[in-house]
């Protein structure tokens, strides 16, 4: 079962940044729609995505550090 969770986690780590980059690229092509549609406004979701990615990477780093110490 640990192998399954490892594959799911790896897929998330690969797919999430690719999907976010694609969405950001698409949204930066049409800045005229930023004020009309909140879900396509990168000024809102990019800081949230950066914060979430930082917390996620920090948690992975902390788990790796505690795992290698013991």
C-alpha atoms as a PDB file:
ATOM      1  CA  UNK A   1       0.000   0.000   0.000  1.00  0.00           C
ATOM      2  CA  UNK A   2       2.923   2.358   0.635  1.00  0.00           C
ATOM      3  CA  UNK A   3       3.956   1.952  -2.992  1.00  0.00           C
ATOM      4  CA  UNK A   4       0.511   3.053  -4.123  1.00  0.00           C
ATOM      5  CA  UNK A   5       0.665   6.207  -2.000  1.00  0.00           C
ATOM      6  CA  UNK A   6       4.181   6.899  -3.263  1.00  0.00           C
ATOM      7  CA  UNK A   7       2.979   6.703  -6.866  1.00  0.00           C
ATOM      8  CA  UNK A   8      -0.026   8.920  -6.137  1.00  0.00           C
ATOM      9  CA  UNK A   9       2.197  11.462  -4.372  1.00  0.00           C
ATOM     10  CA  UNK A  10       4.714  11.446  -7.203  1.00  0.00           C
ATOM     11  CA  UNK A  11       1.943  11.904  -9.760  1.00  0.00           C
ATOM     12  CA  UNK A  12       0.637  14.890  -7.774  1.00  0.00           C
ATOM     13  CA  UNK A  13       4.116  16.422  -7.520  1.00  0.00           C
ATOM     14  CA  UNK A  14       4.511  16.139 -11.308  1.00  0.00           C
ATOM     15  CA  UNK A  15       0.987  16.955 -12.494  1.00  0.00           C
ATOM     16  CA  UNK A  16       0.182  19.884 -10.172  1.00  0.00           C
ATOM     17  CA  UNK A  17       3.004  22.219 -11.317  1.00  0.00           C
ATOM     18  CA  UNK A  18       2.384  21.374 -14.976  1.00  0.00           C
ATOM     19  CA  UNK A  19      -1.321  22.106 -14.596  1.00  0.00           C
ATOM     20  CA  UNK A  20      -0.689  25.352 -12.715  1.00  0.00           C
ATOM     21  CA  UNK A  21       1.847  26.508 -15.310  1.00  0.00           C
ATOM     22  CA  UNK A  22      -0.610  25.745 -18.112  1.00  0.00           C
ATOM     23  CA  UNK A  23      -3.403  27.664 -16.343  1.00  0.00           C
ATOM     24  CA  UNK A  24      -1.122  30.636 -15.664  1.00  0.00           C
ATOM     25  CA  UNK A  25       0.081  30.697 -19.278  1.00  0.00           C
ATOM     26  CA  UNK A  26      -3.516  30.592 -20.531  1.00  0.00           C
ATOM     27  CA  UNK A  27      -4.619  33.333 -18.143  1.00  0.00           C
ATOM     28  CA  UNK A  28      -1.680  35.627 -18.932  1.00  0.00           C
ATOM     29  CA  UNK A  29      -2.725  35.512 -22.597  1.00  0.00           C
ATOM     30  CA  UNK A  30      -5.998  37.316 -21.779  1.00  0.00           C
ATOM     31  CA  UNK A  31      -5.471  40.007 -19.103  1.00  0.00           C
ATOM     32  CA  UNK A  32      -8.674  41.735 -20.173  1.00  0.00           C
ATOM     33  CA  UNK A  33     -10.677  38.982 -18.408  1.00  0.00           C
ATOM     34  CA  UNK A  34      -8.932  39.269 -15.046  1.00  0.00           C
ATOM     35  CA  UNK A  35     -11.452  41.582 -13.429  1.00  0.00           C
ATOM     36  CA  UNK A  36     -14.476  39.732 -14.780  1.00  0.00           C
ATOM     37  CA  UNK A  37     -13.651  36.172 -13.740  1.00  0.00           C
ATOM     38  CA  UNK A  38     -12.046  35.611 -10.342  1.00  0.00           C
ATOM     39  CA  UNK A  39     -11.002  32.048 -11.225  1.00  0.00           C
ATOM     40  CA  UNK A  40      -8.909  33.325 -14.153  1.00  0.00           C
ATOM     41  CA  UNK A  41      -7.227  36.171 -12.266  1.00  0.00           C
ATOM     42  CA  UNK A  42      -3.602  35.176 -11.582  1.00  0.00           C
ATOM     43  CA  UNK A  43      -3.262  38.028  -9.085  1.00  0.00           C
ATOM     44  CA  UNK A  44      -5.476  35.948  -6.790  1.00  0.00           C
ATOM     45  CA  UNK A  45      -4.418  32.336  -7.328  1.00  0.00           C
ATOM     46  CA  UNK A  46      -0.665  32.722  -7.860  1.00  0.00           C
ATOM     47  CA  UNK A  47       0.087  33.925  -4.294  1.00  0.00           C
ATOM     48  CA  UNK A  48      -2.155  31.175  -2.901  1.00  0.00           C
ATOM     49  CA  UNK A  49      -0.448  28.552  -5.063  1.00  0.00           C
ATOM     50  CA  UNK A  50       2.994  29.806  -4.038  1.00  0.00           C
ATOM     51  CA  UNK A  51       2.052  29.647  -0.355  1.00  0.00           C
ATOM     52  CA  UNK A  52       0.596  26.146  -0.717  1.00  0.00           C
ATOM     53  CA  UNK A  53       3.669  24.925  -2.615  1.00  0.00           C
ATOM     54  CA  UNK A  54       5.987  26.369   0.031  1.00  0.00           C
ATOM     55  CA  UNK A  55       4.092  24.688   2.869  1.00  0.00           C
ATOM     56  CA  UNK A  56       3.956  21.392   0.952  1.00  0.00           C
ATOM     57  CA  UNK A  57       7.688  21.403   0.188  1.00  0.00           C
ATOM     58  CA  UNK A  58       8.507  22.391   3.774  1.00  0.00           C
ATOM     59  CA  UNK A  59       6.423  19.457   5.067  1.00  0.00           C
ATOM     60  CA  UNK A  60       8.169  17.052   2.681  1.00  0.00           C
ATOM     61  CA  UNK A  61      11.586  18.364   3.717  1.00  0.00           C
ATOM     62  CA  UNK A  62      10.719  18.048   7.416  1.00  0.00           C
ATOM     63  CA  UNK A  63       9.439  14.498   6.961  1.00  0.00           C
ATOM     64  CA  UNK A  64      12.573  13.536   5.029  1.00  0.00           C
ATOM     65  CA  UNK A  65      14.842  15.065   7.691  1.00  0.00           C
ATOM     66  CA  UNK A  66      13.154  13.279  10.587  1.00  0.00           C
ATOM     67  CA  UNK A  67      13.092  10.037   8.628  1.00  0.00           C
ATOM     68  CA  UNK A  68      16.815  10.103   7.891  1.00  0.00           C
ATOM     69  CA  UNK A  69      17.801  11.019  11.467  1.00  0.00           C
ATOM     70  CA  UNK A  70      16.423   7.834  13.011  1.00  0.00           C
END
